[in-house]
Amino acid sequence: MWLPDRRTLLLSLAALAGCGFTPVYGPQGGGGALLNAVALSEPADRYDYDFNARFEERLGRGAGPYALDVSISTGVTGLGSLADGQTTRYRLTGRADYVLSPTGSEEALIAGRTDAFTSYSATGSTAATQAAERDAKRRLMVILADQVIDRLLLDADTLPQ
């Protein structure tokens, strides 16, 4: 197995530093401003709860100075079917519109939209299909939360200090 020598490693790190690369949680990165600093709305249902749980898992539970308003919409489309017309696979799509603002203010500091999808099988029993649907919705919320977090972290250096 080939391992880089010390000189190659140092030159690689210098090249990264020279190109403007800044770790998001590093001293010059803006990601640290979001850790334990974003308040989320109370979840209205199980899937909002799953979104919030993933968000807090990655960025921590915060009470401010920022508030995140997220609007999530989902849709279901049948993908596969049998000769008798019974649907065997579903595609679950989701969209999250988000706005990060100072707590108690309507001023948008960071705003955007993200889309994702997942799917589940409906070939088992009714109970198995319902369990697969719940799991797919949970996975979709985790995907959407990760995408919102990633976009917030990318724009975190634009937040006022």
Protein backbone atom coordinates (compact mmCIF):
# COMPACT_ATOMS: atom_id res chain seq x y z
CA MET A 1 0.00 0.00 0.00
CA TRP A 2 1.35 3.39 -1.02
CA LEU A 3 1.47 6.14 1.58
CA PRO A 4 2.46 9.71 0.76
CA ASP A 5 5.74 10.89 2.18
CA ARG A 6 5.88 13.89 4.45
CA ARG A 7 6.92 16.27 1.68
CA THR A 8 3.98 15.28 -0.54
CA LEU A 9 1.56 15.67 2.33
CA LEU A 10 2.85 19.13 3.23
CA LEU A 11 2.73 20.28 -0.40
CA SER A 12 -0.86 19.03 -0.70
CA LEU A 13 -1.90 20.89 2.43
CA ALA A 14 -0.17 24.05 1.19
CA ALA A 15 -2.03 23.76 -2.11
CA LEU A 16 -5.35 23.55 -0.26
CA ALA A 17 -4.49 26.58 1.82
CA GLY A 18 -3.44 28.51 -1.27
CA CYS A 19 -6.72 27.89 -3.08
CA GLY A 20 -8.81 29.60 -0.40
CA PHE A 21 -10.05 26.39 1.23
CA THR A 22 -11.30 27.07 4.76
CA PRO A 23 -12.72 24.33 6.96
CA VAL A 24 -16.30 25.24 7.86
CA TYR A 25 -15.68 24.64 11.58
CA GLY A 26 -12.15 26.04 11.49
CA PRO A 27 -11.06 29.38 12.97
CA GLN A 28 -11.83 31.27 9.74
CA GLY A 29 -14.95 29.22 8.83
CA GLY A 30 -18.47 30.42 9.56
CA GLY A 31 -19.90 27.07 10.65
CA GLY A 32 -19.06 27.57 14.29
CA ALA A 33 -21.56 30.45 14.43
CA LEU A 34 -24.39 27.95 13.86
CA LEU A 35 -23.42 25.36 16.47
CA ASN A 36 -26.06 25.36 19.24
CA ALA A 37 -27.31 28.70 17.88
CA VAL A 38 -30.36 27.84 15.73
CA ALA A 39 -33.83 27.63 17.27
CA LEU A 40 -36.35 25.41 15.47
CA SER A 41 -40.13 25.59 15.50
CA GLU A 42 -42.08 23.03 17.52
CA PRO A 43 -42.77 19.99 15.36
CA ALA A 44 -46.35 19.68 14.10
CA ASP A 45 -46.12 15.97 13.27
CA ARG A 46 -43.82 12.95 13.35
CA TYR A 47 -41.95 14.00 10.22
CA ASP A 48 -41.26 17.53 11.49
CA TYR A 49 -39.93 15.82 14.60
CA ASP A 50 -37.63 13.63 12.48
CA PHE A 51 -36.36 16.72 10.62
CA ASN A 52 -35.72 18.58 13.89
CA ALA A 53 -34.04 15.55 15.50
CA ARG A 54 -31.57 15.24 12.63
CA PHE A 55 -30.94 18.98 12.61
CA GLU A 56 -30.22 19.02 16.35
CA GLU A 57 -28.05 15.91 16.02
CA ARG A 58 -25.73 17.76 13.66
CA LEU A 59 -25.86 21.37 14.88
CA GLY A 60 -27.10 21.00 18.44
CA ARG A 61 -30.18 22.38 20.14
CA GLY A 62 -30.20 26.14 20.15
CA ALA A 63 -32.34 28.93 21.54
CA GLY A 64 -30.84 31.65 19.38
CA PRO A 65 -29.44 34.00 18.18
CA TYR A 66 -30.94 32.51 14.99
CA ALA A 67 -34.33 31.02 14.18
CA LEU A 68 -34.95 28.63 11.29
CA ASP A 69 -38.35 28.57 9.64
CA VAL A 70 -38.82 25.47 7.49
CA SER A 71 -41.79 24.59 5.31
CA ILE A 72 -41.79 20.96 4.17
CA SER A 73 -44.03 19.52 1.47
CA THR A 74 -44.12 15.91 0.28
CA GLY A 75 -45.71 13.98 -2.56
CA VAL A 76 -46.10 10.34 -3.53
CA THR A 77 -46.01 8.84 -7.04
CA GLY A 78 -46.50 5.23 -8.02
CA LEU A 79 -43.51 3.84 -9.93
CA GLY A 80 -44.05 0.17 -10.62
CA SER A 81 -47.18 -1.88 -11.13
CA LEU A 82 -48.30 -5.41 -11.78
CA ALA A 83 -50.40 -6.57 -14.74
CA ASP A 84 -53.54 -6.16 -12.60
CA GLY A 85 -52.69 -2.48 -11.95
CA GLN A 86 -51.53 -2.91 -8.35
CA THR A 87 -48.73 -0.47 -7.51
CA THR A 88 -45.58 -2.19 -6.23
CA ARG A 89 -43.22 0.73 -5.67
CA TYR A 90 -43.71 4.35 -4.65
CA ARG A 91 -41.50 7.39 -5.01
CA LEU A 92 -41.70 9.88 -2.16
CA THR A 93 -40.56 13.42 -3.00
CA GLY A 94 -39.94 16.24 -0.59
CA ARG A 95 -39.18 19.92 -0.67
CA ALA A 96 -37.92 22.10 2.17
CA ASP A 97 -38.14 25.88 1.91
CA TYR A 98 -36.09 27.47 4.68
CA VAL A 99 -35.31 30.91 6.05
CA LEU A 100 -32.69 31.63 8.71
CA SER A 101 -33.29 34.91 10.51
CA PRO A 102 -32.29 36.56 13.76
CA THR A 103 -34.53 35.37 16.59
CA GLY A 104 -37.60 37.62 16.79
CA SER A 105 -36.97 39.25 13.41
CA GLU A 106 -38.39 38.79 9.92
CA GLU A 107 -35.07 39.69 8.25
CA ALA A 108 -33.87 36.77 6.11
CA LEU A 109 -30.15 36.14 6.55
CA ILE A 110 -30.06 32.91 4.53
CA ALA A 111 -32.95 31.48 2.51
CA GLY A 112 -33.32 28.69 0.03
CA ARG A 113 -35.03 25.55 -1.15
CA THR A 114 -33.90 21.96 -1.37
CA ASP A 115 -35.49 18.91 -2.97
CA ALA A 116 -34.96 15.21 -2.35
CA PHE A 117 -36.60 11.86 -2.96
CA THR A 118 -36.64 8.31 -1.74
CA SER A 119 -38.78 5.29 -2.49
CA TYR A 120 -40.32 2.25 -0.87
CA SER A 121 -41.75 -1.10 -1.86
CA ALA A 122 -45.40 -2.06 -1.53
CA THR A 123 -45.07 -5.75 -2.32
CA GLY A 124 -45.55 -7.13 1.20
CA SER A 125 -48.51 -7.10 3.53
CA THR A 126 -50.44 -3.93 4.37
CA ALA A 127 -48.55 -3.61 7.65
CA ALA A 128 -45.20 -4.06 5.88
CA THR A 129 -46.14 -1.44 3.28
CA GLN A 130 -47.15 1.04 5.99
CA ALA A 131 -43.89 0.42 7.85
CA ALA A 132 -41.91 0.89 4.62
CA GLU A 133 -43.75 4.16 3.96
CA ARG A 134 -43.04 5.47 7.48
CA ASP A 135 -39.37 4.53 7.11
CA ALA A 136 -39.16 6.24 3.71
CA LYS A 137 -40.69 9.43 5.13
CA ARG A 138 -38.20 9.36 8.02
CA ARG A 139 -35.31 8.88 5.58
CA LEU A 140 -36.62 11.75 3.46
CA MET A 141 -36.70 14.08 6.48
CA VAL A 142 -33.11 13.14 7.34
CA ILE A 143 -32.02 13.82 3.75
CA LEU A 144 -33.80 17.18 3.70
CA ALA A 145 -32.37 18.17 7.09
CA ASP A 146 -28.85 17.26 5.94
CA GLN A 147 -29.26 19.31 2.76
CA VAL A 148 -30.58 22.35 4.65
CA ILE A 149 -27.70 22.10 7.15
CA ASP A 150 -25.13 21.78 4.37
CA ARG A 151 -26.48 24.85 2.61
CA LEU A 152 -26.58 26.84 5.84
CA LEU A 153 -22.98 25.88 6.56
CA LEU A 154 -21.92 26.90 3.06
CA ASP A 155 -23.43 30.36 3.58
CA ALA A 156 -22.56 30.72 7.27
CA ASP A 157 -19.61 33.00 6.54
CA THR A 158 -22.09 35.62 5.26
CA LEU A 159 -23.78 35.89 8.68
CA PRO A 160 -23.18 39.14 10.59
CA GLN A 161 -20.52 38.80 13.27
